[in-house]
C-alpha atoms as a PDB file:
ATOM      1  CA  UNK A   1     -22.266 -10.794   8.749  1.00  0.00           C
ATOM      2  CA  UNK A   2     -21.145 -12.557   5.534  1.00  0.00           C
ATOM      3  CA  UNK A   3     -18.724 -10.562   3.415  1.00  0.00           C
ATOM      4  CA  UNK A   4     -21.201 -10.486   0.520  1.00  0.00           C
ATOM      5  CA  UNK A   5     -23.720  -8.693   2.736  1.00  0.00           C
ATOM      6  CA  UNK A   6     -21.155  -6.459   4.414  1.00  0.00           C
ATOM      7  CA  UNK A   7     -20.021  -5.263   1.002  1.00  0.00           C
ATOM      8  CA  UNK A   8     -23.130  -5.379  -1.140  1.00  0.00           C
ATOM      9  CA  UNK A   9     -23.047  -2.963  -4.064  1.00  0.00           C
ATOM     10  CA  UNK A  10     -25.225  -0.507  -2.153  1.00  0.00           C
ATOM     11  CA  UNK A  11     -23.101  -0.716   1.007  1.00  0.00           C
ATOM     12  CA  UNK A  12     -19.902  -0.246  -0.961  1.00  0.00           C
ATOM     13  CA  UNK A  13     -21.248   2.798  -2.779  1.00  0.00           C
ATOM     14  CA  UNK A  14     -22.279   4.369   0.533  1.00  0.00           C
ATOM     15  CA  UNK A  15     -18.774   3.962   1.945  1.00  0.00           C
ATOM     16  CA  UNK A  16     -17.191   5.334  -1.208  1.00  0.00           C
ATOM     17  CA  UNK A  17     -19.539   8.302  -1.394  1.00  0.00           C
ATOM     18  CA  UNK A  18     -19.662   9.150   2.312  1.00  0.00           C
ATOM     19  CA  UNK A  19     -16.154   8.212   3.470  1.00  0.00           C
ATOM     20  CA  UNK A  20     -13.513   7.634   0.819  1.00  0.00           C
ATOM     21  CA  UNK A  21     -14.207  10.351  -1.741  1.00  0.00           C
ATOM     22  CA  UNK A  22     -14.724  13.196   0.771  1.00  0.00           C
ATOM     23  CA  UNK A  23     -11.610  12.228   2.763  1.00  0.00           C
ATOM     24  CA  UNK A  24      -9.332  11.880  -0.265  1.00  0.00           C
ATOM     25  CA  UNK A  25     -10.629  15.171  -1.637  1.00  0.00           C
ATOM     26  CA  UNK A  26     -10.243  17.110   1.614  1.00  0.00           C
ATOM     27  CA  UNK A  27      -7.162  15.657   3.278  1.00  0.00           C
ATOM     28  CA  UNK A  28      -5.615  13.203   0.831  1.00  0.00           C
ATOM     29  CA  UNK A  29      -6.005  10.043   2.918  1.00  0.00           C
ATOM     30  CA  UNK A  30      -8.699   7.849   4.428  1.00  0.00           C
ATOM     31  CA  UNK A  31      -8.902   4.694   6.513  1.00  0.00           C
ATOM     32  CA  UNK A  32     -11.625   2.133   7.101  1.00  0.00           C
ATOM     33  CA  UNK A  33     -11.829  -0.323   9.997  1.00  0.00           C
ATOM     34  CA  UNK A  34     -13.496  -3.737  10.086  1.00  0.00           C
ATOM     35  CA  UNK A  35     -13.038  -4.190   6.356  1.00  0.00           C
ATOM     36  CA  UNK A  36     -13.124  -7.982   6.043  1.00  0.00           C
ATOM     37  CA  UNK A  37     -14.302  -9.048   9.470  1.00  0.00           C
ATOM     38  CA  UNK A  38     -12.670 -11.431  11.912  1.00  0.00           C
ATOM     39  CA  UNK A  39     -13.016 -14.637   9.897  1.00  0.00           C
ATOM     40  CA  UNK A  40     -11.841 -13.447   6.483  1.00  0.00           C
ATOM     41  CA  UNK A  41      -9.272 -11.019   7.887  1.00  0.00           C
ATOM     42  CA  UNK A  42      -7.949 -13.821  10.082  1.00  0.00           C
ATOM     43  CA  UNK A  43      -7.632 -16.068   7.031  1.00  0.00           C
ATOM     44  CA  UNK A  44      -5.568 -13.387   5.260  1.00  0.00           C
ATOM     45  CA  UNK A  45      -3.336 -13.082   8.323  1.00  0.00           C
ATOM     46  CA  UNK A  46      -2.809 -16.838   8.479  1.00  0.00           C
ATOM     47  CA  UNK A  47      -1.813 -16.968   4.806  1.00  0.00           C
ATOM     48  CA  UNK A  48       0.666 -14.119   5.294  1.00  0.00           C
ATOM     49  CA  UNK A  49       2.130 -15.824   8.362  1.00  0.00           C
ATOM     50  CA  UNK A  50       2.634 -18.999   6.343  1.00  0.00           C
ATOM     51  CA  UNK A  51       4.428 -17.049   3.621  1.00  0.00           C
ATOM     52  CA  UNK A  52       6.680 -15.501   6.253  1.00  0.00           C
ATOM     53  CA  UNK A  53       7.406 -18.838   7.924  1.00  0.00           C
ATOM     54  CA  UNK A  54       8.250 -20.435   4.558  1.00  0.00           C
ATOM     55  CA  UNK A  55      10.958 -17.852   3.861  1.00  0.00           C
ATOM     56  CA  UNK A  56       9.086 -16.319   0.925  1.00  0.00           C
ATOM     57  CA  UNK A  57       9.598 -12.757   2.184  1.00  0.00           C
ATOM     58  CA  UNK A  58      12.879 -11.094   1.180  1.00  0.00           C
ATOM     59  CA  UNK A  59      14.482  -7.731   1.971  1.00  0.00           C
ATOM     60  CA  UNK A  60      12.738  -4.843   0.198  1.00  0.00           C
ATOM     61  CA  UNK A  61      14.742  -3.069  -2.502  1.00  0.00           C
ATOM     62  CA  UNK A  62      15.586   0.622  -2.847  1.00  0.00           C
ATOM     63  CA  UNK A  63      15.032   2.662  -6.000  1.00  0.00           C
ATOM     64  CA  UNK A  64      18.242   4.557  -5.218  1.00  0.00           C
ATOM     65  CA  UNK A  65      20.348   5.316  -2.174  1.00  0.00           C
ATOM     66  CA  UNK A  66      23.478   7.222  -1.270  1.00  0.00           C
ATOM     67  CA  UNK A  67      26.766   5.306  -1.483  1.00  0.00           C
ATOM     68  CA  UNK A  68      27.543   3.496   1.732  1.00  0.00           C
ATOM     69  CA  UNK A  69      23.967   3.633   3.050  1.00  0.00           C
ATOM     70  CA  UNK A  70      22.721   0.225   4.169  1.00  0.00           C
ATOM     71  CA  UNK A  71      19.315  -0.845   2.886  1.00  0.00           C
ATOM     72  CA  UNK A  72      18.189  -1.726   6.407  1.00  0.00           C
ATOM     73  CA  UNK A  73      18.902   1.839   7.535  1.00  0.00           C
ATOM     74  CA  UNK A  74      16.316   3.073   5.022  1.00  0.00           C
ATOM     75  CA  UNK A  75      13.758   0.270   4.993  1.00  0.00           C
ATOM     76  CA  UNK A  76      13.681  -2.739   7.267  1.00  0.00           C
ATOM     77  CA  UNK A  77      10.825  -4.687   5.742  1.00  0.00           C
ATOM     78  CA  UNK A  78      10.792  -8.116   4.139  1.00  0.00           C
ATOM     79  CA  UNK A  79       8.464  -8.477   1.158  1.00  0.00           C
ATOM     80  CA  UNK A  80       6.977 -10.755  -1.476  1.00  0.00           C
ATOM     81  CA  UNK A  81       4.883  -9.890  -4.521  1.00  0.00           C
ATOM     82  CA  UNK A  82       1.708 -11.892  -5.200  1.00  0.00           C
ATOM     83  CA  UNK A  83      -1.169 -11.586  -7.650  1.00  0.00           C
ATOM     84  CA  UNK A  84      -3.623 -13.401  -5.370  1.00  0.00           C
ATOM     85  CA  UNK A  85      -4.162 -16.380  -7.638  1.00  0.00           C
ATOM     86  CA  UNK A  86      -1.312 -18.405  -6.169  1.00  0.00           C
ATOM     87  CA  UNK A  87      -2.064 -21.464  -4.083  1.00  0.00           C
ATOM     88  CA  UNK A  88      -2.348 -20.410  -0.460  1.00  0.00           C
ATOM     89  CA  UNK A  89      -3.453 -16.857  -1.338  1.00  0.00           C
ATOM     90  CA  UNK A  90      -7.191 -17.438  -1.627  1.00  0.00           C
ATOM     91  CA  UNK A  91      -8.120 -15.075   1.203  1.00  0.00           C
ATOM     92  CA  UNK A  92      -5.617 -12.497  -0.048  1.00  0.00           C
ATOM     93  CA  UNK A  93      -7.431 -12.616  -3.378  1.00  0.00           C
ATOM     94  CA  UNK A  94     -10.748 -11.867  -1.644  1.00  0.00           C
ATOM     95  CA  UNK A  95      -9.120  -8.785  -0.114  1.00  0.00           C
ATOM     96  CA  UNK A  96      -7.714  -7.632  -3.455  1.00  0.00           C
ATOM     97  CA  UNK A  97     -11.054  -8.012  -5.192  1.00  0.00           C
ATOM     98  CA  UNK A  98     -12.717  -5.865  -2.536  1.00  0.00           C
ATOM     99  CA  UNK A  99     -10.056  -3.144  -2.778  1.00  0.00           C
ATOM    100  CA  UNK A 100     -10.437  -3.221  -6.568  1.00  0.00           C
ATOM    101  CA  UNK A 101     -14.166  -2.542  -6.206  1.00  0.00           C
ATOM    102  CA  UNK A 102     -13.636   0.288  -3.722  1.00  0.00           C
ATOM    103  CA  UNK A 103     -10.964   2.033  -5.781  1.00  0.00           C
ATOM    104  CA  UNK A 104     -12.805   1.570  -9.071  1.00  0.00           C
ATOM    105  CA  UNK A 105     -15.903   3.228  -7.646  1.00  0.00           C
ATOM    106  CA  UNK A 106     -13.927   6.023  -5.972  1.00  0.00           C
ATOM    107  CA  UNK A 107     -11.886   6.701  -9.119  1.00  0.00           C
ATOM    108  CA  UNK A 108     -15.028   7.324 -11.153  1.00  0.00           C
ATOM    109  CA  UNK A 109     -16.302   9.844  -8.614  1.00  0.00           C
ATOM    110  CA  UNK A 110     -12.886  11.498  -8.418  1.00  0.00           C
ATOM    111  CA  UNK A 111     -12.537  11.609 -12.208  1.00  0.00           C
ATOM    112  CA  UNK A 112      -9.356   9.527 -12.154  1.00  0.00           C
ATOM    113  CA  UNK A 113      -8.494   7.317 -15.119  1.00  0.00           C
ATOM    114  CA  UNK A 114      -7.371   4.283 -13.140  1.00  0.00           C
ATOM    115  CA  UNK A 115      -7.154   1.189 -15.310  1.00  0.00           C
ATOM    116  CA  UNK A 116      -4.957  -1.274 -13.411  1.00  0.00           C
ATOM    117  CA  UNK A 117      -2.838  -1.832 -10.324  1.00  0.00           C
ATOM    118  CA  UNK A 118       0.365  -3.436  -9.161  1.00  0.00           C
ATOM    119  CA  UNK A 119       0.677  -6.887  -7.731  1.00  0.00           C
ATOM    120  CA  UNK A 120       0.173  -7.000  -3.971  1.00  0.00           C
ATOM    121  CA  UNK A 121       3.247  -6.394  -1.843  1.00  0.00           C
ATOM    122  CA  UNK A 122       3.076  -8.562   1.266  1.00  0.00           C
ATOM    123  CA  UNK A 123       5.343  -6.982   3.873  1.00  0.00           C
ATOM    124  CA  UNK A 124       6.674  -7.863   7.303  1.00  0.00           C
ATOM    125  CA  UNK A 125       8.609  -5.577   9.616  1.00  0.00           C
ATOM    126  CA  UNK A 126      10.196  -8.186  11.892  1.00  0.00           C
ATOM    127  CA  UNK A 127      10.490  -6.014  14.992  1.00  0.00           C
ATOM    128  CA  UNK A 128      13.781  -4.935  16.492  1.00  0.00           C
ATOM    129  CA  UNK A 129      13.169  -1.332  15.472  1.00  0.00           C
ATOM    130  CA  UNK A 130      12.637  -2.040  11.761  1.00  0.00           C
ATOM    131  CA  UNK A 131      10.956   0.815   9.913  1.00  0.00           C
ATOM    132  CA  UNK A 132      10.997   2.851   6.708  1.00  0.00           C
ATOM    133  CA  UNK A 133      12.341   6.403   6.560  1.00  0.00           C
ATOM    134  CA  UNK A 134      10.256   9.317   5.297  1.00  0.00           C
ATOM    135  CA  UNK A 135       9.611   8.979   1.568  1.00  0.00           C
ATOM    136  CA  UNK A 136       7.109   9.527  -1.239  1.00  0.00           C
ATOM    137  CA  UNK A 137       5.806   6.498  -3.119  1.00  0.00           C
ATOM    138  CA  UNK A 138       5.628   8.315  -6.457  1.00  0.00           C
ATOM    139  CA  UNK A 139       7.885  11.393  -6.477  1.00  0.00           C
ATOM    140  CA  UNK A 140       8.595  11.340 -10.225  1.00  0.00           C
ATOM    141  CA  UNK A 141       5.253  10.747 -11.962  1.00  0.00           C
ATOM    142  CA  UNK A 142       5.669   6.997 -12.491  1.00  0.00           C
ATOM    143  CA  UNK A 143       1.900   6.509 -12.712  1.00  0.00           C
ATOM    144  CA  UNK A 144       1.074   5.398  -9.190  1.00  0.00           C
ATOM    145  CA  UNK A 145      -2.009   7.312  -8.115  1.00  0.00           C
ATOM    146  CA  UNK A 146      -3.544   5.689  -5.022  1.00  0.00           C
ATOM    147  CA  UNK A 147      -1.723   3.644  -2.376  1.00  0.00           C
ATOM    148  CA  UNK A 148      -3.819   1.115  -0.435  1.00  0.00           C
ATOM    149  CA  UNK A 149      -2.446  -0.631   2.662  1.00  0.00           C
ATOM    150  CA  UNK A 150      -4.283  -3.364   4.563  1.00  0.00           C
ATOM    151  CA  UNK A 151      -3.041  -4.074   8.086  1.00  0.00           C
ATOM    152  CA  UNK A 152      -3.023  -7.444   9.817  1.00  0.00           C
ATOM    153  CA  UNK A 153      -1.844  -6.861  13.374  1.00  0.00           C
ATOM    154  CA  UNK A 154      -4.064  -8.149  16.163  1.00  0.00           C
ATOM    155  CA  UNK A 155      -3.759  -6.671  19.655  1.00  0.00           C
ATOM    156  CA  UNK A 156      -1.357  -4.016  18.398  1.00  0.00           C
ATOM    157  CA  UNK A 157      -0.346  -1.421  20.982  1.00  0.00           C
ATOM    158  CA  UNK A 158       1.435   1.471  19.306  1.00  0.00           C
ATOM    159  CA  UNK A 159       2.828   2.723  22.616  1.00  0.00           C
ATOM    160  CA  UNK A 160       4.742  -0.533  23.079  1.00  0.00           C
ATOM    161  CA  UNK A 161       4.961  -1.929  19.550  1.00  0.00           C
ATOM    162  CA  UNK A 162       5.559   1.260  17.544  1.00  0.00           C
ATOM    163  CA  UNK A 163       5.089   0.724  13.818  1.00  0.00           C
ATOM    164  CA  UNK A 164       2.883   3.769  13.260  1.00  0.00           C
ATOM    165  CA  UNK A 165       2.607   5.041   9.696  1.00  0.00           C
ATOM    166  CA  UNK A 166       3.018   8.810   9.926  1.00  0.00           C
ATOM    167  CA  UNK A 167       1.773  10.921   7.025  1.00  0.00           C
ATOM    168  CA  UNK A 168       3.072  14.463   6.503  1.00  0.00           C
ATOM    169  CA  UNK A 169       0.300  15.959   4.325  1.00  0.00           C
ATOM    170  CA  UNK A 170       1.724  18.551   1.947  1.00  0.00           C
ATOM    171  CA  UNK A 171       0.941  22.093   3.023  1.00  0.00           C
ATOM    172  CA  UNK A 172      -0.901  21.020   6.179  1.00  0.00           C
ATOM    173  CA  UNK A 173       0.067  22.102   9.719  1.00  0.00           C
ATOM    174  CA  UNK A 174      -0.324  18.600  11.133  1.00  0.00           C
ATOM    175  CA  UNK A 175       0.791  15.002  10.764  1.00  0.00           C
ATOM    176  CA  UNK A 176      -1.496  11.974  10.698  1.00  0.00           C
ATOM    177  CA  UNK A 177      -0.514   8.906  12.721  1.00  0.00           C
ATOM    178  CA  UNK A 178      -2.131   5.700  11.460  1.00  0.00           C
ATOM    179  CA  UNK A 179      -1.793   2.679  13.739  1.00  0.00           C
ATOM    180  CA  UNK A 180      -1.420  -0.608  11.799  1.00  0.00           C
ATOM    181  CA  UNK A 181      -4.438  -2.264  13.403  1.00  0.00           C
ATOM    182  CA  UNK A 182      -5.902  -5.583  12.285  1.00  0.00           C
ATOM    183  CA  UNK A 183      -8.501  -5.320   9.494  1.00  0.00           C
ATOM    184  CA  UNK A 184      -7.784  -1.645   8.776  1.00  0.00           C
ATOM    185  CA  UNK A 185      -7.498  -0.370   5.196  1.00  0.00           C
ATOM    186  CA  UNK A 186      -5.646   2.889   4.509  1.00  0.00           C
ATOM    187  CA  UNK A 187      -5.888   4.759   1.204  1.00  0.00           C
ATOM    188  CA  UNK A 188      -3.885   7.846   0.202  1.00  0.00           C
ATOM    189  CA  UNK A 189      -2.608   9.703  -2.843  1.00  0.00           C
ATOM    190  CA  UNK A 190       0.732   8.206  -3.886  1.00  0.00           C
ATOM    191  CA  UNK A 191       2.384  11.416  -5.076  1.00  0.00           C
ATOM    192  CA  UNK A 192       4.188  14.250  -3.291  1.00  0.00           C
ATOM    193  CA  UNK A 193       1.032  15.217  -1.411  1.00  0.00           C
ATOM    194  CA  UNK A 194       1.711  12.461   1.114  1.00  0.00           C
ATOM    195  CA  UNK A 195       5.279  11.970   2.323  1.00  0.00           C
ATOM    196  CA  UNK A 196       5.165   9.259   4.973  1.00  0.00           C
ATOM    197  CA  UNK A 197       7.281   7.012   7.158  1.00  0.00           C
ATOM    198  CA  UNK A 198       6.929   3.761   9.058  1.00  0.00           C
ATOM    199  CA  UNK A 199       8.172   4.394  12.566  1.00  0.00           C
ATOM    200  CA  UNK A 200      10.330   1.730  14.251  1.00  0.00           C
ATOM    201  CA  UNK A 201       8.451  -1.494  14.955  1.00  0.00           C
ATOM    202  CA  UNK A 202       9.224  -3.535  18.048  1.00  0.00           C
ATOM    203  CA  UNK A 203       6.901  -6.424  17.243  1.00  0.00           C
ATOM    204  CA  UNK A 204       6.247  -8.348  14.026  1.00  0.00           C
ATOM    205  CA  UNK A 205       4.144  -6.079  11.804  1.00  0.00           C
ATOM    206  CA  UNK A 206       2.295  -7.326   8.711  1.00  0.00           C
ATOM    207  CA  UNK A 207       0.678  -5.368   5.891  1.00  0.00           C
ATOM    208  CA  UNK A 208      -0.391  -5.796   2.264  1.00  0.00           C
ATOM    209  CA  UNK A 209       0.048  -2.872  -0.138  1.00  0.00           C
ATOM    210  CA  UNK A 210      -1.234  -2.295  -3.669  1.00  0.00           C
ATOM    211  CA  UNK A 211      -0.805   0.716  -5.944  1.00  0.00           C
ATOM    212  CA  UNK A 212      -3.377   1.842  -8.490  1.00  0.00           C
ATOM    213  CA  UNK A 213      -2.111   3.512 -11.666  1.00  0.00           C
ATOM    214  CA  UNK A 214      -3.366   6.571 -13.477  1.00  0.00           C
ATOM    215  CA  UNK A 215      -3.471   5.250 -17.048  1.00  0.00           C
ATOM    216  CA  UNK A 216      -2.347   8.484 -18.728  1.00  0.00           C
ATOM    217  CA  UNK A 217       0.522   9.174 -16.328  1.00  0.00           C
ATOM    218  CA  UNK A 218       1.635   5.536 -16.513  1.00  0.00           C
ATOM    219  CA  UNK A 219       1.687   5.598 -20.308  1.00  0.00           C
ATOM    220  CA  UNK A 220       3.761   8.788 -20.239  1.00  0.00           C
ATOM    221  CA  UNK A 221       6.194   7.235 -17.735  1.00  0.00           C
ATOM    222  CA  UNK A 222       6.633   4.191 -19.979  1.00  0.00           C
ATOM    223  CA  UNK A 223       7.238   6.479 -22.969  1.00  0.00           C
ATOM    224  CA  UNK A 224       9.975   8.353 -21.085  1.00  0.00           C
ATOM    225  CA  UNK A 225      11.554   5.055 -20.074  1.00  0.00           C
ATOM    226  CA  UNK A 226      11.609   3.834 -23.682  1.00  0.00           C
ATOM    227  CA  UNK A 227      13.188   7.093 -24.828  1.00  0.00           C
ATOM    228  CA  UNK A 228      15.908   6.829 -22.173  1.00  0.00           C
ATOM    229  CA  UNK A 229      16.600   3.233 -23.136  1.00  0.00           C
ATOM    230  CA  UNK A 230      16.765   4.091 -26.844  1.00  0.00           C
ATOM    231  CA  UNK A 231      19.096   7.015 -26.101  1.00  0.00           C
ATOM    232  CA  UNK A 232      21.392   4.867 -23.958  1.00  0.00           C
ATOM    233  CA  UNK A 233      21.491   2.138 -26.607  1.00  0.00           C
ATOM    234  CA  UNK A 234      22.265   4.724 -29.271  1.00  0.00           C
ATOM    235  CA  UNK A 235      25.089   6.247 -27.232  1.00  0.00           C
ATOM    236  CA  UNK A 236      26.594   2.850 -26.437  1.00  0.00           C
ATOM    237  CA  UNK A 237      26.694   1.901 -30.116  1.00  0.00           C
ATOM    238  CA  UNK A 238      28.514   5.052 -31.208  1.00  0.00           C
END
């Protein structure tokens, strides 16, 4: 089925209304399988593989870490940031446009003031036990509201390959294990409701992540940042 038919306006609204909104409201996360289909999803995978082969992916950075702690002990991914309009990212752009439509529709139903998103983070865990320790994407109200991760791993066997994303939903008596299967899209709240980890990967694991911002919280975060900068500049000039 062509992507335009698979994701007609009516089909998209059904998925948002019947799947995404109820799941985010009840449990804080949701995943969809078969999002792009074999042809388009395969084209995204091929473009990501080319980026990886070209050396475009670099070690992911840490916001902060304890002295003496190696980055690779916390996160073992290699990443690149793209907007989707770069040459060689045409299929990635198709994916981003679809996620934009899904999140825009869901945000309206959830009464969230989402106005923009980050660039896309293309990530590779190169195997060898690479993972990402338990963390929260937005622990300090930086504006990130919804995390969306699209997985690109064909024939993935979590028993052998690992790489499961484990969510620890706040206040819930269970964990949620999400296997990074090809053409799967995961959405979850970015704040402290969803601590999560990427368990050690023993095969090359690809994913694309975007974060959608709550406009009010983001504006407040920028205001706090400006105030800190002004205060530091004032102190340094005294």
